[in-house]
Amino acid sequence: MNLLTVRGAAGIVILFLGRELSFLFSAALAAFLGARLTHLLPPGLPAWAEPAFLLAMALLGAALTLINKETGYYVTGFLVGGFAFNEYFTPGSATLSLLPFVVGSVLGAVFIGLLKEWALILVSCLIGTYLIYGVLPFFGVARILASGAIFIIGAVAQVVMFQMQKHAER
């Protein structure tokens, strides 16, 4: 399975269930950030070391989100901000740029930490659409329009699920 397939599958799950499965959202982003740190692993490690490192990063991201729901918003925001700023300033790079990561992480943690559910819906749809964007078989304007439609579909689906849960709790 190649990285493009993993990004596309993760994008679909994050697009539709990012708020609902915020621990999985955090795990995926931690693993994608971990992939940018694998070059720092010592040379000569066995073949299983890199996948084990990525799995450990994913489990750490998921665990920090699951410990406490309120803390989970900040952890998710931290990971989202760091991922988004790195993808913006060094797209597709195999390394992690420190300054964009720190600035993005702080902004993401504050944004999602303060706005909680609604920010999580917006950001998960954006990240999900971004991950799917690279898999789309279209080019140019058609790719941009398809991405916009995918974003809207994901956002509507998450808002409907969120509203249904709120009404069910009453």
N, C-alpha and C. Protein backbone atom coordinates (compact mmCIF):
# COMPACT_ATOMS: atom_id res chain seq x y z
N MET A 1 0.85 -1.17 0.00
CA MET A 1 0.00 0.00 0.00
C MET A 1 0.90 1.24 0.00
N ASN A 2 0.66 2.15 -0.92
CA ASN A 2 1.51 3.32 -1.00
C ASN A 2 0.94 4.48 -0.17
N LEU A 3 1.77 5.50 -0.01
CA LEU A 3 1.39 6.64 0.83
C LEU A 3 0.20 7.40 0.27
N LEU A 4 0.08 7.46 -1.05
CA LEU A 4 -1.04 8.16 -1.68
C LEU A 4 -2.37 7.50 -1.32
N THR A 5 -2.40 6.19 -1.31
CA THR A 5 -3.62 5.46 -0.93
C THR A 5 -3.96 5.70 0.53
N VAL A 6 -2.94 5.69 1.39
CA VAL A 6 -3.16 5.93 2.82
C VAL A 6 -3.69 7.35 3.03
N ARG A 7 -3.09 8.33 2.35
CA ARG A 7 -3.56 9.71 2.48
C ARG A 7 -5.01 9.84 2.01
N GLY A 8 -5.36 9.20 0.91
CA GLY A 8 -6.73 9.27 0.41
C GLY A 8 -7.72 8.64 1.36
N ALA A 9 -7.39 7.46 1.89
CA ALA A 9 -8.28 6.78 2.83
C ALA A 9 -8.41 7.58 4.13
N ALA A 10 -7.30 8.09 4.63
CA ALA A 10 -7.34 8.91 5.85
C ALA A 10 -8.14 10.18 5.59
N GLY A 11 -8.00 10.75 4.40
CA GLY A 11 -8.75 11.96 4.05
C GLY A 11 -10.24 11.73 4.07
N ILE A 12 -10.69 10.60 3.54
CA ILE A 12 -12.13 10.30 3.53
C ILE A 12 -12.67 10.14 4.95
N VAL A 13 -11.94 9.40 5.78
CA VAL A 13 -12.38 9.20 7.17
C VAL A 13 -12.39 10.52 7.92
N ILE A 14 -11.34 11.32 7.76
CA ILE A 14 -11.25 12.60 8.46
C ILE A 14 -12.33 13.56 7.96
N LEU A 15 -12.58 13.55 6.67
CA LEU A 15 -13.58 14.43 6.07
C LEU A 15 -14.97 14.22 6.68
N PHE A 16 -15.36 12.96 6.82
CA PHE A 16 -16.71 12.67 7.30
C PHE A 16 -16.82 12.43 8.80
N LEU A 17 -15.74 11.99 9.45
CA LEU A 17 -15.82 11.63 10.85
C LEU A 17 -14.76 12.32 11.71
N GLY A 18 -14.20 13.43 11.23
CA GLY A 18 -13.14 14.11 11.97
C GLY A 18 -13.54 14.56 13.35
N ARG A 19 -14.73 15.10 13.50
CA ARG A 19 -15.19 15.53 14.82
C ARG A 19 -15.57 14.34 15.68
N GLU A 20 -16.27 13.41 15.05
CA GLU A 20 -16.75 12.24 15.79
C GLU A 20 -15.59 11.36 16.28
N LEU A 21 -14.61 11.18 15.44
CA LEU A 21 -13.45 10.35 15.77
C LEU A 21 -12.21 11.23 15.90
N SER A 22 -12.28 12.22 16.78
CA SER A 22 -11.17 13.17 16.89
C SER A 22 -9.88 12.48 17.31
N PHE A 23 -9.98 11.37 18.04
CA PHE A 23 -8.76 10.64 18.41
C PHE A 23 -8.10 10.04 17.17
N LEU A 24 -8.91 9.58 16.21
CA LEU A 24 -8.36 9.04 14.97
C LEU A 24 -7.78 10.17 14.11
N PHE A 25 -8.43 11.31 14.13
CA PHE A 25 -7.94 12.50 13.44
C PHE A 25 -6.56 12.88 13.98
N SER A 26 -6.44 12.92 15.30
CA SER A 26 -5.15 13.24 15.93
C SER A 26 -4.11 12.18 15.62
N ALA A 27 -4.51 10.92 15.63
CA ALA A 27 -3.58 9.84 15.34
C ALA A 27 -3.03 9.93 13.92
N ALA A 28 -3.91 10.21 12.97
CA ALA A 28 -3.47 10.33 11.58
C ALA A 28 -2.52 11.50 11.41
N LEU A 29 -2.83 12.64 12.00
CA LEU A 29 -1.96 13.80 11.87
C LEU A 29 -0.63 13.57 12.57
N ALA A 30 -0.65 12.90 13.71
CA ALA A 30 0.61 12.59 14.40
C ALA A 30 1.46 11.66 13.54
N ALA A 31 0.84 10.70 12.89
CA ALA A 31 1.59 9.79 12.02
C ALA A 31 2.15 10.53 10.80
N PHE A 32 1.36 11.43 10.20
CA PHE A 32 1.86 12.20 9.06
C PHE A 32 3.01 13.12 9.48
N LEU A 33 2.91 13.70 10.67
CA LEU A 33 4.03 14.51 11.17
C LEU A 33 5.23 13.62 11.49
N GLY A 34 4.96 12.43 12.02
CA GLY A 34 6.04 11.49 12.32
C GLY A 34 6.78 11.06 11.07
N ALA A 35 6.05 10.97 9.95
CA ALA A 35 6.70 10.60 8.69
C ALA A 35 7.74 11.64 8.29
N ARG A 36 7.54 12.87 8.70
CA ARG A 36 8.52 13.92 8.41
C ARG A 36 9.70 13.88 9.38
N LEU A 37 9.59 13.10 10.43
CA LEU A 37 10.68 13.01 11.41
C LEU A 37 11.50 11.73 11.27
N THR A 38 11.10 10.84 10.39
CA THR A 38 11.80 9.55 10.28
C THR A 38 13.25 9.70 9.84
N HIS A 39 13.57 10.79 9.16
CA HIS A 39 14.96 10.98 8.75
C HIS A 39 15.88 11.22 9.95
N LEU A 40 15.31 11.53 11.11
CA LEU A 40 16.09 11.75 12.32
C LEU A 40 16.40 10.46 13.07
N LEU A 41 15.77 9.36 12.67
CA LEU A 41 16.05 8.08 13.31
C LEU A 41 17.48 7.66 13.01
N PRO A 42 18.13 7.01 13.96
CA PRO A 42 19.52 6.61 13.73
C PRO A 42 19.63 5.62 12.57
N PRO A 43 20.70 5.73 11.78
CA PRO A 43 20.87 4.78 10.67
C PRO A 43 21.20 3.39 11.20
N GLY A 44 20.88 2.40 10.41
CA GLY A 44 21.19 1.02 10.79
C GLY A 44 20.12 0.34 11.63
N LEU A 45 18.98 0.97 11.81
CA LEU A 45 17.89 0.34 12.55
C LEU A 45 17.25 -0.74 11.68
N PRO A 46 16.61 -1.72 12.30
CA PRO A 46 15.94 -2.75 11.50
C PRO A 46 14.80 -2.17 10.67
N ALA A 47 14.33 -2.92 9.71
CA ALA A 47 13.30 -2.46 8.78
C ALA A 47 11.99 -2.12 9.49
N TRP A 48 11.71 -2.74 10.61
CA TRP A 48 10.45 -2.50 11.31
C TRP A 48 10.49 -1.24 12.17
N ALA A 49 11.63 -0.60 12.31
CA ALA A 49 11.76 0.56 13.20
C ALA A 49 10.93 1.76 12.72
N GLU A 50 10.94 2.03 11.43
CA GLU A 50 10.20 3.17 10.91
C GLU A 50 8.69 3.01 11.08
N PRO A 51 8.11 1.86 10.67
CA PRO A 51 6.67 1.69 10.92
C PRO A 51 6.32 1.68 12.42
N ALA A 52 7.22 1.16 13.24
CA ALA A 52 6.98 1.17 14.68
C ALA A 52 6.98 2.59 15.23
N PHE A 53 7.88 3.42 14.72
CA PHE A 53 7.93 4.82 15.13
C PHE A 53 6.64 5.54 14.74
N LEU A 54 6.17 5.32 13.50
CA LEU A 54 4.94 5.96 13.04
C LEU A 54 3.74 5.48 13.86
N LEU A 55 3.70 4.19 14.18
CA LEU A 55 2.63 3.66 15.01
C LEU A 55 2.67 4.27 16.41
N ALA A 56 3.87 4.42 16.97
CA ALA A 56 4.01 5.03 18.29
C ALA A 56 3.53 6.48 18.28
N MET A 57 3.87 7.22 17.22
CA MET A 57 3.41 8.60 17.10
C MET A 57 1.88 8.65 17.01
N ALA A 58 1.30 7.76 16.22
CA ALA A 58 -0.15 7.71 16.07
C ALA A 58 -0.82 7.37 17.40
N LEU A 59 -0.29 6.39 18.10
CA LEU A 59 -0.87 6.01 19.39
C LEU A 59 -0.75 7.13 20.42
N LEU A 60 0.37 7.85 20.40
CA LEU A 60 0.55 8.97 21.31
C LEU A 60 -0.47 10.07 21.01
N GLY A 61 -0.65 10.40 19.73
CA GLY A 61 -1.64 11.40 19.35
C GLY A 61 -3.05 11.00 19.76
N ALA A 62 -3.40 9.72 19.55
CA ALA A 62 -4.73 9.24 19.92
C ALA A 62 -4.91 9.23 21.44
N ALA A 63 -3.89 8.78 22.17
CA ALA A 63 -4.00 8.69 23.63
C ALA A 63 -4.15 10.07 24.26
N LEU A 64 -3.38 11.04 23.78
CA LEU A 64 -3.49 12.39 24.34
C LEU A 64 -4.87 12.99 24.08
N THR A 65 -5.49 12.61 22.99
CA THR A 65 -6.83 13.11 22.68
C THR A 65 -7.90 12.40 23.50
N LEU A 66 -7.68 11.13 23.78
CA LEU A 66 -8.68 10.35 24.52
C LEU A 66 -8.65 10.58 26.03
N ILE A 67 -7.54 11.06 26.56
CA ILE A 67 -7.40 11.24 28.01
C ILE A 67 -8.48 12.15 28.56
N ASN A 68 -8.69 13.28 27.90
CA ASN A 68 -9.67 14.26 28.35
C ASN A 68 -10.21 14.97 27.12
N LYS A 69 -11.51 15.11 27.01
CA LYS A 69 -12.11 15.73 25.82
C LYS A 69 -11.64 17.17 25.63
N GLU A 70 -11.59 17.94 26.70
CA GLU A 70 -11.15 19.34 26.60
C GLU A 70 -9.69 19.43 26.18
N THR A 71 -8.85 18.62 26.78
CA THR A 71 -7.43 18.58 26.40
C THR A 71 -7.29 18.09 24.98
N GLY A 72 -8.15 17.19 24.58
CA GLY A 72 -8.12 16.65 23.23
C GLY A 72 -8.29 17.71 22.17
N TYR A 73 -9.10 18.74 22.44
CA TYR A 73 -9.26 19.82 21.48
C TYR A 73 -7.92 20.54 21.25
N TYR A 74 -7.22 20.81 22.34
CA TYR A 74 -5.94 21.50 22.23
C TYR A 74 -4.89 20.63 21.53
N VAL A 75 -4.87 19.34 21.87
CA VAL A 75 -3.91 18.43 21.23
C VAL A 75 -4.20 18.34 19.73
N THR A 76 -5.46 18.17 19.38
CA THR A 76 -5.83 18.10 17.97
C THR A 76 -5.48 19.40 17.26
N GLY A 77 -5.77 20.53 17.88
CA GLY A 77 -5.42 21.82 17.29
C GLY A 77 -3.92 21.98 17.11
N PHE A 78 -3.17 21.52 18.09
CA PHE A 78 -1.71 21.57 18.01
C PHE A 78 -1.21 20.78 16.81
N LEU A 79 -1.71 19.56 16.66
CA LEU A 79 -1.28 18.71 15.55
C LEU A 79 -1.76 19.25 14.20
N VAL A 80 -3.01 19.73 14.15
CA VAL A 80 -3.56 20.27 12.91
C VAL A 80 -2.77 21.50 12.47
N GLY A 81 -2.54 22.41 13.40
CA GLY A 81 -1.81 23.63 13.06
C GLY A 81 -0.41 23.34 12.57
N GLY A 82 0.28 22.46 13.27
CA GLY A 82 1.64 22.10 12.86
C GLY A 82 1.65 21.45 11.48
N PHE A 83 0.72 20.54 11.25
CA PHE A 83 0.63 19.86 9.95
C PHE A 83 0.29 20.85 8.84
N ALA A 84 -0.72 21.69 9.07
CA ALA A 84 -1.18 22.62 8.04
C ALA A 84 -0.10 23.64 7.67
N PHE A 85 0.55 24.21 8.66
CA PHE A 85 1.58 25.20 8.36
C PHE A 85 2.78 24.56 7.66
N ASN A 86 3.14 23.34 8.04
CA ASN A 86 4.24 22.66 7.35
C ASN A 86 3.87 22.33 5.92
N GLU A 87 2.66 21.90 5.69
CA GLU A 87 2.23 21.61 4.32
C GLU A 87 2.14 22.88 3.49
N TYR A 88 1.82 24.00 4.12
CA TYR A 88 1.73 25.25 3.39
C TYR A 88 3.13 25.78 3.02
N PHE A 89 4.04 25.78 3.99
CA PHE A 89 5.35 26.36 3.76
C PHE A 89 6.35 25.41 3.10
N THR A 90 6.22 24.11 3.34
CA THR A 90 7.11 23.13 2.70
C THR A 90 6.27 21.94 2.22
N PRO A 91 5.46 22.15 1.18
CA PRO A 91 4.55 21.08 0.73
C PRO A 91 5.29 19.85 0.24
N GLY A 92 4.86 18.70 0.71
CA GLY A 92 5.41 17.43 0.26
C GLY A 92 6.83 17.18 0.73
N SER A 93 7.36 17.99 1.60
CA SER A 93 8.73 17.83 2.07
C SER A 93 8.84 16.61 2.98
N ALA A 94 10.03 16.05 3.02
CA ALA A 94 10.26 14.89 3.88
C ALA A 94 10.77 15.31 5.26
N THR A 95 10.87 16.62 5.49
CA THR A 95 11.37 17.11 6.77
C THR A 95 10.31 17.98 7.43
N LEU A 96 10.53 18.28 8.69
CA LEU A 96 9.63 19.11 9.47
C LEU A 96 10.32 20.44 9.74
N SER A 97 9.77 21.52 9.23
CA SER A 97 10.33 22.85 9.46
C SER A 97 9.90 23.33 10.83
N LEU A 98 10.84 23.74 11.65
CA LEU A 98 10.55 24.04 13.05
C LEU A 98 9.68 25.29 13.24
N LEU A 99 10.02 26.39 12.60
CA LEU A 99 9.27 27.63 12.82
C LEU A 99 7.81 27.52 12.36
N PRO A 100 7.54 27.04 11.13
CA PRO A 100 6.13 26.88 10.76
C PRO A 100 5.39 25.91 11.67
N PHE A 101 6.07 24.87 12.12
CA PHE A 101 5.42 23.91 13.00
C PHE A 101 5.02 24.57 14.32
N VAL A 102 5.93 25.30 14.93
CA VAL A 102 5.65 25.92 16.23
C VAL A 102 4.54 26.96 16.11
N VAL A 103 4.66 27.85 15.11
CA VAL A 103 3.64 28.90 14.93
C VAL A 103 2.28 28.27 14.63
N GLY A 104 2.25 27.33 13.70
CA GLY A 104 1.00 26.67 13.34
C GLY A 104 0.39 25.90 14.49
N SER A 105 1.24 25.25 15.26
CA SER A 105 0.75 24.46 16.39
C SER A 105 0.09 25.34 17.45
N VAL A 106 0.72 26.45 17.75
CA VAL A 106 0.14 27.36 18.76
C VAL A 106 -1.18 27.94 18.25
N LEU A 107 -1.18 28.41 17.01
CA LEU A 107 -2.42 28.97 16.45
C LEU A 107 -3.53 27.91 16.37
N GLY A 108 -3.18 26.71 15.95
CA GLY A 108 -4.17 25.63 15.86
C GLY A 108 -4.73 25.25 17.21
N ALA A 109 -3.85 25.16 18.22
CA ALA A 109 -4.31 24.80 19.56
C ALA A 109 -5.26 25.86 20.12
N VAL A 110 -4.95 27.12 19.91
CA VAL A 110 -5.81 28.19 20.41
C VAL A 110 -7.14 28.19 19.66
N PHE A 111 -7.09 28.07 18.32
CA PHE A 111 -8.30 28.11 17.50
C PHE A 111 -9.26 26.98 17.86
N ILE A 112 -8.78 25.76 17.84
CA ILE A 112 -9.67 24.62 18.13
C ILE A 112 -9.98 24.54 19.62
N GLY A 113 -9.01 24.90 20.46
CA GLY A 113 -9.25 24.86 21.91
C GLY A 113 -10.35 25.80 22.35
N LEU A 114 -10.45 26.95 21.69
CA LEU A 114 -11.47 27.93 22.08
C LEU A 114 -12.82 27.68 21.40
N LEU A 115 -12.81 27.31 20.13
CA LEU A 115 -14.06 27.14 19.39
C LEU A 115 -14.60 25.70 19.40
N LYS A 116 -13.82 24.77 19.84
CA LYS A 116 -14.16 23.36 20.07
C LYS A 116 -14.84 22.67 18.88
N GLU A 117 -16.07 22.24 19.04
CA GLU A 117 -16.74 21.38 18.06
C GLU A 117 -16.80 22.00 16.66
N TRP A 118 -17.19 23.26 16.57
CA TRP A 118 -17.36 23.89 15.25
C TRP A 118 -16.02 24.05 14.55
N ALA A 119 -15.00 24.40 15.30
CA ALA A 119 -13.66 24.52 14.70
C ALA A 119 -13.16 23.15 14.27
N LEU A 120 -13.45 22.13 15.06
CA LEU A 120 -13.04 20.77 14.71
C LEU A 120 -13.72 20.31 13.42
N ILE A 121 -14.98 20.65 13.24
CA ILE A 121 -15.68 20.32 12.00
C ILE A 121 -15.02 21.02 10.82
N LEU A 122 -14.80 22.31 10.94
CA LEU A 122 -14.19 23.08 9.85
C LEU A 122 -12.80 22.56 9.51
N VAL A 123 -11.97 22.40 10.50
CA VAL A 123 -10.58 21.99 10.26
C VAL A 123 -10.50 20.56 9.75
N SER A 124 -11.32 19.66 10.28
CA SER A 124 -11.27 18.28 9.80
C SER A 124 -11.73 18.18 8.35
N CYS A 125 -12.70 19.01 7.97
CA CYS A 125 -13.12 19.03 6.56
C CYS A 125 -12.02 19.60 5.67
N LEU A 126 -11.35 20.63 6.13
CA LEU A 126 -10.24 21.19 5.36
C LEU A 126 -9.10 20.20 5.18
N ILE A 127 -8.70 19.56 6.27
CA ILE A 127 -7.59 18.59 6.20
C ILE A 127 -8.02 17.37 5.38
N GLY A 128 -9.23 16.89 5.59
CA GLY A 128 -9.72 15.75 4.81
C GLY A 128 -9.75 16.05 3.32
N THR A 129 -10.22 17.25 2.96
CA THR A 129 -10.25 17.65 1.56
C THR A 129 -8.83 17.78 1.01
N TYR A 130 -7.93 18.32 1.80
CA TYR A 130 -6.54 18.45 1.36
C TYR A 130 -5.91 17.08 1.08
N LEU A 131 -6.17 16.13 1.96
CA LEU A 131 -5.60 14.79 1.77
C LEU A 131 -6.20 14.10 0.55
N ILE A 132 -7.48 14.33 0.29
CA ILE A 132 -8.14 13.73 -0.87
C ILE A 132 -7.72 14.43 -2.16
N TYR A 133 -7.39 15.71 -2.09
CA TYR A 133 -7.05 16.51 -3.26
C TYR A 133 -5.96 15.84 -4.12
N GLY A 134 -4.96 15.27 -3.50
CA GLY A 134 -3.87 14.64 -4.24
C GLY A 134 -4.26 13.36 -4.93
N VAL A 135 -5.37 12.78 -4.56
CA VAL A 135 -5.82 11.51 -5.13
C VAL A 135 -6.79 11.73 -6.29
N LEU A 136 -7.39 12.91 -6.37
CA LEU A 136 -8.40 13.18 -7.40
C LEU A 136 -7.81 13.04 -8.81
N PRO A 137 -8.56 12.40 -9.70
CA PRO A 137 -8.05 12.18 -11.06
C PRO A 137 -8.26 13.37 -12.00
N PHE A 138 -8.69 14.51 -11.46
CA PHE A 138 -8.96 15.69 -12.29
C PHE A 138 -7.75 16.62 -12.29
N PHE A 139 -7.79 17.60 -13.19
CA PHE A 139 -6.72 18.59 -13.25
C PHE A 139 -7.31 19.98 -13.37
N GLY A 140 -6.55 20.98 -12.94
CA GLY A 140 -6.94 22.37 -13.09
C GLY A 140 -8.19 22.75 -12.33
N VAL A 141 -9.06 23.47 -13.01
CA VAL A 141 -10.28 24.00 -12.39
C VAL A 141 -11.21 22.87 -11.95
N ALA A 142 -11.25 21.78 -12.70
CA ALA A 142 -12.12 20.66 -12.33
C ALA A 142 -11.70 20.08 -10.98
N ARG A 143 -10.40 20.02 -10.71
CA ARG A 143 -9.90 19.51 -9.43
C ARG A 143 -10.29 20.44 -8.29
N ILE A 144 -10.19 21.72 -8.53
CA ILE A 144 -10.55 22.71 -7.50
C ILE A 144 -12.05 22.66 -7.21
N LEU A 145 -12.87 22.58 -8.25
CA LEU A 145 -14.33 22.49 -8.05
C LEU A 145 -14.71 21.19 -7.34
N ALA A 146 -14.07 20.09 -7.72
CA ALA A 146 -14.34 18.81 -7.04
C ALA A 146 -13.95 18.90 -5.58
N SER A 147 -12.83 19.54 -5.29
CA SER A 147 -12.40 19.70 -3.89
C SER A 147 -13.40 20.54 -3.10
N GLY A 148 -13.90 21.61 -3.70
CA GLY A 148 -14.91 22.43 -3.04
C GLY A 148 -16.17 21.65 -2.74
N ALA A 149 -16.60 20.84 -3.71
CA ALA A 149 -17.79 20.02 -3.51
C ALA A 149 -17.55 18.99 -2.42
N ILE A 150 -16.37 18.39 -2.41
CA ILE A 150 -16.04 17.41 -1.37
C ILE A 150 -16.05 18.06 0.00
N PHE A 151 -15.49 19.26 0.12
CA PHE A 151 -15.49 19.98 1.39
C PHE A 151 -16.91 20.24 1.87
N ILE A 152 -17.76 20.73 0.98
CA ILE A 152 -19.15 21.04 1.36
C ILE A 152 -19.90 19.79 1.78
N ILE A 153 -19.73 18.71 1.04
CA ILE A 153 -20.39 17.45 1.39
C ILE A 153 -19.95 16.96 2.77
N GLY A 154 -18.64 17.01 3.02
CA GLY A 154 -18.12 16.58 4.33
C GLY A 154 -18.61 17.46 5.46
N ALA A 155 -18.63 18.79 5.22
CA ALA A 155 -19.08 19.71 6.27
C ALA A 155 -20.55 19.51 6.58
N VAL A 156 -21.36 19.37 5.55
CA VAL A 156 -22.79 19.15 5.76
C VAL A 156 -23.01 17.84 6.51
N ALA A 157 -22.31 16.80 6.13
CA ALA A 157 -22.46 15.50 6.80
C ALA A 157 -22.09 15.61 8.28
N GLN A 158 -21.00 16.30 8.59
CA GLN A 158 -20.59 16.42 10.00
C GLN A 158 -21.55 17.30 10.80
N VAL A 159 -22.04 18.38 10.19
CA VAL A 159 -22.99 19.25 10.90
C VAL A 159 -24.29 18.50 11.17
N VAL A 160 -24.76 17.73 10.20
CA VAL A 160 -25.99 16.95 10.40
C VAL A 160 -25.80 15.95 11.54
N MET A 161 -24.66 15.24 11.54
CA MET A 161 -24.41 14.29 12.63
C MET A 161 -24.32 14.99 13.97
N PHE A 162 -23.66 16.15 14.01
CA PHE A 162 -23.52 16.91 15.25
C PHE A 162 -24.88 17.37 15.77
N GLN A 163 -25.73 17.88 14.88
CA GLN A 163 -27.06 18.34 15.28
C GLN A 163 -27.93 17.17 15.74
N MET A 164 -27.82 16.03 15.06
CA MET A 164 -28.60 14.85 15.47
C MET A 164 -28.19 14.40 16.87
N GLN A 165 -26.91 14.45 17.17
CA GLN A 165 -26.44 14.07 18.50
C GLN A 165 -26.92 15.04 19.55
N LYS A 166 -26.90 16.34 19.24
CA LYS A 166 -27.37 17.34 20.19
C LYS A 166 -28.86 17.16 20.49
N HIS A 167 -29.66 16.85 19.46
CA HIS A 167 -31.10 16.66 19.66
C HIS A 167 -31.38 15.35 20.37
N ALA A 168 -30.57 14.35 20.16
CA ALA A 168 -30.76 13.07 20.84
C ALA A 168 -30.44 13.17 22.32
N GLU A 169 -29.54 14.09 22.70
CA GLU A 169 -29.16 14.26 24.11
C GLU A 169 -30.24 14.99 24.91
N ARG A 170 -31.13 15.69 24.23
CA ARG A 170 -32.17 16.47 24.93
C ARG A 170 -33.26 15.61 25.43
